[in-house]
Amino acid sequence: MFKFFKRMKTVVGSELNAMLEKAEDPVKMLEQFMRDMEEDIREAEGAVAKQIANEKMLKRKANDAQALVDKRQKQAESAIEAGDDSLARRALEDKQEHAKQAEVLNESWARAKSDSTEIREKLDEMKKEYNQMKLKKDSLKARAETAKTKTKMNRTMSSVGGDESRQGFERMEEKVLQYEAEAETSEDLSQSARTLDDEFEKLEESSVDKELAALIEKMNK
């Protein structure tokens, strides 16, 4: 009858930790335990229901037997009042037989009631343990997901900061510096070229001014 609670003892005992240590995925292992416990709870509920039904059946039979005992007692009294001792004797004999049956049935009912109380308590304990395991599973699942995310991020960060990535970044930085240097050199050359042209333009402007001054002087004369 109590075989349904065997796995619960395994789950809550030291065997669980040992099995989880060997499991590749603790979350999946815990979910399997939860499914096993759910199945055991359903089986245990069925066993409890049968035990309670058996308890009620025994109680009903014991009550029926006791009712016949009371009935035969009254019939025996009625027979004596009627002066029929033989009938009274038969009623008392049947009363004693049902009294024995009632006693046996009451004893069986008492044992069945005790068993029902015990397995119902164990079922309640199992359900309580199941709820605790469910909360623990949800917590462990969240922690496992967080750990996986952290591991993935750490691996990504390690890859980003690796020698190969760093060397590639440094090469790109050197390229940018080279481009900037080339741009500055080109700008300097362009500036130099513009300065020389400006000087020649100023020189040409100076010649025109001289010619203009000469022309004005001539016209004034």
C-alpha atoms as a PDB file:
ATOM      1  CA  MET A   1       0.000   0.000   0.000  1.00  0.00           C
ATOM      2  CA  PHE A   2       2.819   2.385   0.813  1.00  0.00           C
ATOM      3  CA  LYS A   3       4.887   1.608  -2.266  1.00  0.00           C
ATOM      4  CA  PHE A   4       3.554   4.802  -3.825  1.00  0.00           C
ATOM      5  CA  PHE A   5       5.667   6.843  -1.414  1.00  0.00           C
ATOM      6  CA  LYS A   6       8.932   5.108  -2.182  1.00  0.00           C
ATOM      7  CA  ARG A   7      10.027   7.541  -4.892  1.00  0.00           C
ATOM      8  CA  MET A   8       9.220  10.518  -2.692  1.00  0.00           C
ATOM      9  CA  LYS A   9      11.782   9.282  -0.170  1.00  0.00           C
ATOM     10  CA  THR A  10      14.289   8.954  -2.997  1.00  0.00           C
ATOM     11  CA  VAL A  11      13.615  12.484  -4.197  1.00  0.00           C
ATOM     12  CA  VAL A  12      13.938  14.141  -0.802  1.00  0.00           C
ATOM     13  CA  GLY A  13      16.817  11.965   0.340  1.00  0.00           C
ATOM     14  CA  SER A  14      20.545  12.049  -0.340  1.00  0.00           C
ATOM     15  CA  GLU A  15      20.105  10.052  -3.557  1.00  0.00           C
ATOM     16  CA  LEU A  16      18.687  13.145  -5.271  1.00  0.00           C
ATOM     17  CA  ASN A  17      21.885  15.146  -4.841  1.00  0.00           C
ATOM     18  CA  ALA A  18      23.988  12.244  -6.099  1.00  0.00           C
ATOM     19  CA  MET A  19      21.797  11.799  -9.177  1.00  0.00           C
ATOM     20  CA  LEU A  20      21.778  15.527  -9.919  1.00  0.00           C
ATOM     21  CA  GLU A  21      25.579  15.624  -9.754  1.00  0.00           C
ATOM     22  CA  LYS A  22      25.719  12.959 -12.470  1.00  0.00           C
ATOM     23  CA  ALA A  23      23.008  14.572 -14.607  1.00  0.00           C
ATOM     24  CA  GLU A  24      24.056  16.536 -17.686  1.00  0.00           C
ATOM     25  CA  ASP A  25      21.082  18.866 -17.314  1.00  0.00           C
ATOM     26  CA  PRO A  26      19.896  19.277 -13.684  1.00  0.00           C
ATOM     27  CA  VAL A  27      16.757  21.149 -14.778  1.00  0.00           C
ATOM     28  CA  LYS A  28      15.598  18.286 -17.004  1.00  0.00           C
ATOM     29  CA  MET A  29      16.403  15.827 -14.218  1.00  0.00           C
ATOM     30  CA  LEU A  30      14.294  17.807 -11.753  1.00  0.00           C
ATOM     31  CA  GLU A  31      11.426  18.017 -14.234  1.00  0.00           C
ATOM     32  CA  GLN A  32      11.551  14.241 -14.599  1.00  0.00           C
ATOM     33  CA  PHE A  33      11.395  13.882 -10.816  1.00  0.00           C
ATOM     34  CA  MET A  34       8.367  16.178 -10.784  1.00  0.00           C
ATOM     35  CA  ARG A  35       6.607  14.048 -13.400  1.00  0.00           C
ATOM     36  CA  ASP A  36       7.405  10.901 -11.411  1.00  0.00           C
ATOM     37  CA  MET A  37       6.037  12.449  -8.238  1.00  0.00           C
ATOM     38  CA  GLU A  38       2.884  13.608 -10.017  1.00  0.00           C
ATOM     39  CA  GLU A  39       2.314  10.040 -11.194  1.00  0.00           C
ATOM     40  CA  ASP A  40       2.909   8.689  -7.680  1.00  0.00           C
ATOM     41  CA  ILE A  41       0.513  11.234  -6.206  1.00  0.00           C
ATOM     42  CA  ARG A  42      -2.213  10.166  -8.636  1.00  0.00           C
ATOM     43  CA  GLU A  43      -1.639   6.507  -7.751  1.00  0.00           C
ATOM     44  CA  ALA A  44      -1.584   7.318  -4.038  1.00  0.00           C
ATOM     45  CA  GLU A  45      -4.839   9.277  -4.337  1.00  0.00           C
ATOM     46  CA  GLY A  46      -6.413   6.231  -5.983  1.00  0.00           C
ATOM     47  CA  ALA A  47      -5.132   3.976  -3.172  1.00  0.00           C
ATOM     48  CA  VAL A  48      -6.459   6.374  -0.527  1.00  0.00           C
ATOM     49  CA  ALA A  49      -9.849   6.480  -2.234  1.00  0.00           C
ATOM     50  CA  LYS A  50     -10.009   2.664  -2.269  1.00  0.00           C
ATOM     51  CA  GLN A  51      -8.939   2.491   1.375  1.00  0.00           C
ATOM     52  CA  ILE A  52     -11.602   4.988   2.406  1.00  0.00           C
ATOM     53  CA  ALA A  53     -14.220   3.054   0.423  1.00  0.00           C
ATOM     54  CA  ASN A  54     -13.126  -0.171   2.163  1.00  0.00           C
ATOM     55  CA  GLU A  55     -13.296   1.570   5.540  1.00  0.00           C
ATOM     56  CA  LYS A  56     -16.848   2.758   4.854  1.00  0.00           C
ATOM     57  CA  MET A  57     -17.892  -0.695   3.637  1.00  0.00           C
ATOM     58  CA  LEU A  58     -16.591  -2.368   6.807  1.00  0.00           C
ATOM     59  CA  LYS A  59     -18.314   0.210   8.969  1.00  0.00           C
ATOM     60  CA  ARG A  60     -21.591  -0.338   7.153  1.00  0.00           C
ATOM     61  CA  LYS A  61     -21.343  -4.127   7.591  1.00  0.00           C
ATOM     62  CA  ALA A  62     -20.450  -3.739  11.261  1.00  0.00           C
ATOM     63  CA  ASN A  63     -23.463  -1.471  11.770  1.00  0.00           C
ATOM     64  CA  ASP A  64     -25.715  -3.943   9.931  1.00  0.00           C
ATOM     65  CA  ALA A  65     -24.452  -6.789  12.136  1.00  0.00           C
ATOM     66  CA  GLN A  66     -25.022  -4.742  15.278  1.00  0.00           C
ATOM     67  CA  ALA A  67     -28.500  -3.832  14.061  1.00  0.00           C
ATOM     68  CA  LEU A  68     -29.310  -7.563  13.763  1.00  0.00           C
ATOM     69  CA  VAL A  69     -27.937  -8.134  17.262  1.00  0.00           C
ATOM     70  CA  ASP A  70     -30.303  -5.502  18.635  1.00  0.00           C
ATOM     71  CA  LYS A  71     -33.152  -6.876  16.559  1.00  0.00           C
ATOM     72  CA  ARG A  72     -32.660 -10.471  17.771  1.00  0.00           C
ATOM     73  CA  GLN A  73     -32.486  -9.243  21.348  1.00  0.00           C
ATOM     74  CA  LYS A  74     -35.885  -7.600  21.042  1.00  0.00           C
ATOM     75  CA  GLN A  75     -37.303 -10.666  19.246  1.00  0.00           C
ATOM     76  CA  ALA A  76     -36.055 -12.952  22.013  1.00  0.00           C
ATOM     77  CA  GLU A  77     -37.731 -10.746  24.601  1.00  0.00           C
ATOM     78  CA  SER A  78     -40.948 -10.760  22.607  1.00  0.00           C
ATOM     79  CA  ALA A  79     -40.834 -14.577  22.308  1.00  0.00           C
ATOM     80  CA  ILE A  80     -40.374 -14.974  26.061  1.00  0.00           C
ATOM     81  CA  GLU A  81     -43.292 -12.650  26.683  1.00  0.00           C
ATOM     82  CA  ALA A  82     -45.317 -14.798  24.311  1.00  0.00           C
ATOM     83  CA  GLY A  83     -44.278 -17.937  26.204  1.00  0.00           C
ATOM     84  CA  ASP A  84     -42.300 -19.351  23.243  1.00  0.00           C
ATOM     85  CA  ASP A  85     -38.934 -20.205  24.834  1.00  0.00           C
ATOM     86  CA  SER A  86     -37.806 -22.232  21.805  1.00  0.00           C
ATOM     87  CA  LEU A  87     -38.212 -19.253  19.505  1.00  0.00           C
ATOM     88  CA  ALA A  88     -36.450 -17.050  22.023  1.00  0.00           C
ATOM     89  CA  ARG A  89     -33.527 -19.501  22.141  1.00  0.00           C
ATOM     90  CA  ARG A  90     -33.205 -19.426  18.341  1.00  0.00           C
ATOM     91  CA  ALA A  91     -33.257 -15.624  18.364  1.00  0.00           C
ATOM     92  CA  LEU A  92     -30.523 -15.519  21.031  1.00  0.00           C
ATOM     93  CA  GLU A  93     -28.380 -18.020  19.121  1.00  0.00           C
ATOM     94  CA  ASP A  94     -28.623 -15.891  15.972  1.00  0.00           C
ATOM     95  CA  LYS A  95     -27.939 -12.803  18.076  1.00  0.00           C
ATOM     96  CA  GLN A  96     -24.692 -14.306  19.376  1.00  0.00           C
ATOM     97  CA  GLU A  97     -23.600 -15.211  15.847  1.00  0.00           C
ATOM     98  CA  HIS A  98     -24.187 -11.664  14.588  1.00  0.00           C
ATOM     99  CA  ALA A  99     -22.547 -10.260  17.697  1.00  0.00           C
ATOM    100  CA  LYS A 100     -19.353 -12.162  16.813  1.00  0.00           C
ATOM    101  CA  GLN A 101     -19.568 -10.898  13.263  1.00  0.00           C
ATOM    102  CA  ALA A 102     -20.092  -7.338  14.489  1.00  0.00           C
ATOM    103  CA  GLU A 103     -17.057  -7.611  16.751  1.00  0.00           C
ATOM    104  CA  VAL A 104     -14.824  -8.879  13.919  1.00  0.00           C
ATOM    105  CA  LEU A 105     -16.137  -6.250  11.522  1.00  0.00           C
ATOM    106  CA  ASN A 106     -15.618  -3.451  14.040  1.00  0.00           C
ATOM    107  CA  GLU A 107     -12.025  -4.574  14.584  1.00  0.00           C
ATOM    108  CA  SER A 108     -11.453  -4.658  10.819  1.00  0.00           C
ATOM    109  CA  TRP A 109     -13.059  -1.246  10.480  1.00  0.00           C
ATOM    110  CA  ALA A 110     -10.836   0.177  13.227  1.00  0.00           C
ATOM    111  CA  ARG A 111      -7.710  -1.103  11.460  1.00  0.00           C
ATOM    112  CA  ALA A 112      -8.954   0.209   8.095  1.00  0.00           C
ATOM    113  CA  LYS A 113      -9.676   3.600   9.642  1.00  0.00           C
ATOM    114  CA  SER A 114      -6.194   3.737  11.153  1.00  0.00           C
ATOM    115  CA  ASP A 115      -4.645   2.791   7.798  1.00  0.00           C
ATOM    116  CA  SER A 116      -6.754   5.406   6.022  1.00  0.00           C
ATOM    117  CA  THR A 117      -5.620   8.101   8.439  1.00  0.00           C
ATOM    118  CA  GLU A 118      -1.994   7.093   8.020  1.00  0.00           C
ATOM    119  CA  ILE A 119      -1.943   7.032   4.230  1.00  0.00           C
ATOM    120  CA  ARG A 120      -3.914  10.272   4.026  1.00  0.00           C
ATOM    121  CA  GLU A 121      -1.285  11.909   6.228  1.00  0.00           C
ATOM    122  CA  LYS A 122       1.442  10.492   4.001  1.00  0.00           C
ATOM    123  CA  LEU A 123      -0.387  11.743   0.914  1.00  0.00           C
ATOM    124  CA  ASP A 124      -0.631  15.228   2.442  1.00  0.00           C
ATOM    125  CA  GLU A 125       3.074  15.051   3.249  1.00  0.00           C
ATOM    126  CA  MET A 126       3.841  13.995  -0.307  1.00  0.00           C
ATOM    127  CA  LYS A 127       1.806  16.853  -1.770  1.00  0.00           C
ATOM    128  CA  LYS A 128       3.554  19.319   0.534  1.00  0.00           C
ATOM    129  CA  GLU A 129       6.923  17.950  -0.501  1.00  0.00           C
ATOM    130  CA  TYR A 130       5.873  18.124  -4.154  1.00  0.00           C
ATOM    131  CA  ASN A 131       4.968  21.819  -3.808  1.00  0.00           C
ATOM    132  CA  GLN A 132       8.321  22.524  -2.149  1.00  0.00           C
ATOM    133  CA  MET A 133      10.118  20.664  -4.932  1.00  0.00           C
ATOM    134  CA  LYS A 134       8.143  22.627  -7.522  1.00  0.00           C
ATOM    135  CA  LEU A 135       9.231  25.938  -6.007  1.00  0.00           C
ATOM    136  CA  LYS A 136      12.800  24.693  -5.773  1.00  0.00           C
ATOM    137  CA  LYS A 137      12.697  23.512  -9.387  1.00  0.00           C
ATOM    138  CA  ASP A 138      11.470  26.900 -10.591  1.00  0.00           C
ATOM    139  CA  SER A 139      14.224  28.621  -8.601  1.00  0.00           C
ATOM    140  CA  LEU A 140      16.914  26.259  -9.888  1.00  0.00           C
ATOM    141  CA  LYS A 141      15.634  26.631 -13.446  1.00  0.00           C
ATOM    142  CA  ALA A 142      15.924  30.427 -13.218  1.00  0.00           C
ATOM    143  CA  ARG A 143      19.406  30.141 -11.710  1.00  0.00           C
ATOM    144  CA  ALA A 144      20.480  27.700 -14.420  1.00  0.00           C
ATOM    145  CA  GLU A 145      19.250  30.034 -17.168  1.00  0.00           C
ATOM    146  CA  THR A 146      21.100  32.947 -15.555  1.00  0.00           C
ATOM    147  CA  ALA A 147      24.272  30.872 -15.300  1.00  0.00           C
ATOM    148  CA  LYS A 148      24.007  29.869 -18.969  1.00  0.00           C
ATOM    149  CA  THR A 149      23.542  33.499 -20.001  1.00  0.00           C
ATOM    150  CA  LYS A 150      26.534  34.593 -17.936  1.00  0.00           C
ATOM    151  CA  THR A 151      28.681  31.819 -19.399  1.00  0.00           C
ATOM    152  CA  LYS A 152      27.695  32.803 -22.944  1.00  0.00           C
ATOM    153  CA  MET A 153      28.430  36.475 -22.272  1.00  0.00           C
ATOM    154  CA  ASN A 154      31.767  35.659 -20.653  1.00  0.00           C
ATOM    155  CA  ARG A 155      32.763  33.591 -23.668  1.00  0.00           C
ATOM    156  CA  THR A 156      31.732  36.422 -25.991  1.00  0.00           C
ATOM    157  CA  MET A 157      33.659  38.980 -23.939  1.00  0.00           C
ATOM    158  CA  SER A 158      36.670  36.685 -23.903  1.00  0.00           C
ATOM    159  CA  SER A 159      36.496  36.387 -27.673  1.00  0.00           C
ATOM    160  CA  VAL A 160      36.136  40.129 -28.131  1.00  0.00           C
ATOM    161  CA  GLY A 161      39.117  40.837 -25.919  1.00  0.00           C
ATOM    162  CA  GLY A 162      41.280  38.081 -27.359  1.00  0.00           C
ATOM    163  CA  ASP A 163      44.705  38.570 -28.960  1.00  0.00           C
ATOM    164  CA  GLU A 164      43.397  38.116 -32.499  1.00  0.00           C
ATOM    165  CA  SER A 165      40.611  40.676 -32.065  1.00  0.00           C
ATOM    166  CA  ARG A 166      42.921  43.112 -30.336  1.00  0.00           C
ATOM    167  CA  GLN A 167      45.593  42.817 -33.042  1.00  0.00           C
ATOM    168  CA  GLY A 168      42.962  43.333 -35.737  1.00  0.00           C
ATOM    169  CA  PHE A 169      41.695  46.435 -33.942  1.00  0.00           C
ATOM    170  CA  GLU A 170      45.240  47.799 -33.655  1.00  0.00           C
ATOM    171  CA  ARG A 171      45.815  47.265 -37.410  1.00  0.00           C
ATOM    172  CA  MET A 172      42.647  49.180 -38.195  1.00  0.00           C
ATOM    173  CA  GLU A 173      43.754  51.959 -35.867  1.00  0.00           C
ATOM    174  CA  GLU A 174      47.120  52.179 -37.650  1.00  0.00           C
ATOM    175  CA  LYS A 175      45.304  52.376 -40.980  1.00  0.00           C
ATOM    176  CA  VAL A 176      43.164  55.271 -39.747  1.00  0.00           C
ATOM    177  CA  LEU A 177      46.239  57.100 -38.469  1.00  0.00           C
ATOM    178  CA  GLN A 178      47.916  56.560 -41.850  1.00  0.00           C
ATOM    179  CA  TYR A 179      44.863  57.955 -43.677  1.00  0.00           C
ATOM    180  CA  GLU A 180      44.817  60.979 -41.386  1.00  0.00           C
ATOM    181  CA  ALA A 181      48.556  61.600 -41.970  1.00  0.00           C
ATOM    182  CA  GLU A 182      48.100  61.355 -45.730  1.00  0.00           C
ATOM    183  CA  ALA A 183      45.203  63.803 -45.561  1.00  0.00           C
ATOM    184  CA  GLU A 184      47.261  66.315 -43.561  1.00  0.00           C
ATOM    185  CA  THR A 185      50.196  66.026 -45.999  1.00  0.00           C
ATOM    186  CA  SER A 186      47.916  66.537 -48.981  1.00  0.00           C
ATOM    187  CA  GLU A 187      46.415  69.599 -47.307  1.00  0.00           C
ATOM    188  CA  ASP A 188      49.883  71.052 -46.615  1.00  0.00           C
ATOM    189  CA  LEU A 189      50.920  70.603 -50.260  1.00  0.00           C
ATOM    190  CA  SER A 190      47.720  72.184 -51.454  1.00  0.00           C
ATOM    191  CA  GLN A 191      48.237  75.094 -49.096  1.00  0.00           C
ATOM    192  CA  SER A 192      51.795  75.520 -50.354  1.00  0.00           C
ATOM    193  CA  ALA A 193      50.635  75.557 -53.956  1.00  0.00           C
ATOM    194  CA  ARG A 194      47.953  78.139 -53.198  1.00  0.00           C
ATOM    195  CA  THR A 195      50.515  80.412 -51.461  1.00  0.00           C
ATOM    196  CA  LEU A 196      52.879  80.448 -54.489  1.00  0.00           C
ATOM    197  CA  ASP A 197      50.048  81.351 -56.852  1.00  0.00           C
ATOM    198  CA  ASP A 198      48.983  84.149 -54.548  1.00  0.00           C
ATOM    199  CA  GLU A 199      52.474  85.623 -54.595  1.00  0.00           C
ATOM    200  CA  PHE A 200      52.522  85.615 -58.396  1.00  0.00           C
ATOM    201  CA  GLU A 201      49.091  87.233 -58.476  1.00  0.00           C
ATOM    202  CA  LYS A 202      50.308  89.961 -56.158  1.00  0.00           C
ATOM    203  CA  LEU A 203      53.327  90.431 -58.402  1.00  0.00           C
ATOM    204  CA  GLU A 204      51.078  90.787 -61.444  1.00  0.00           C
ATOM    205  CA  GLU A 205      48.864  93.250 -59.621  1.00  0.00           C
ATOM    206  CA  SER A 206      51.924  95.315 -58.743  1.00  0.00           C
ATOM    207  CA  SER A 207      52.948  95.580 -62.452  1.00  0.00           C
ATOM    208  CA  VAL A 208      49.499  96.753 -63.433  1.00  0.00           C
ATOM    209  CA  ASP A 209      49.565  99.394 -60.759  1.00  0.00           C
ATOM    210  CA  LYS A 210      52.876 100.725 -62.070  1.00  0.00           C
ATOM    211  CA  GLU A 211      51.586 100.815 -65.627  1.00  0.00           C
ATOM    212  CA  LEU A 212      48.409 102.539 -64.469  1.00  0.00           C
ATOM    213  CA  ALA A 213      50.368 105.156 -62.568  1.00  0.00           C
ATOM    214  CA  ALA A 214      52.560 105.816 -65.588  1.00  0.00           C
ATOM    215  CA  LEU A 215      49.519 106.231 -67.811  1.00  0.00           C
ATOM    216  CA  ILE A 216      47.887 108.664 -65.419  1.00  0.00           C
ATOM    217  CA  GLU A 217      51.083 110.754 -65.253  1.00  0.00           C
ATOM    218  CA  LYS A 218      51.307 110.860 -69.036  1.00  0.00           C
ATOM    219  CA  MET A 219      47.708 111.916 -69.437  1.00  0.00           C
ATOM    220  CA  ASN A 220      48.126 114.677 -66.908  1.00  0.00           C
ATOM    221  CA  LYS A 221      51.024 116.111 -68.870  1.00  0.00           C
END
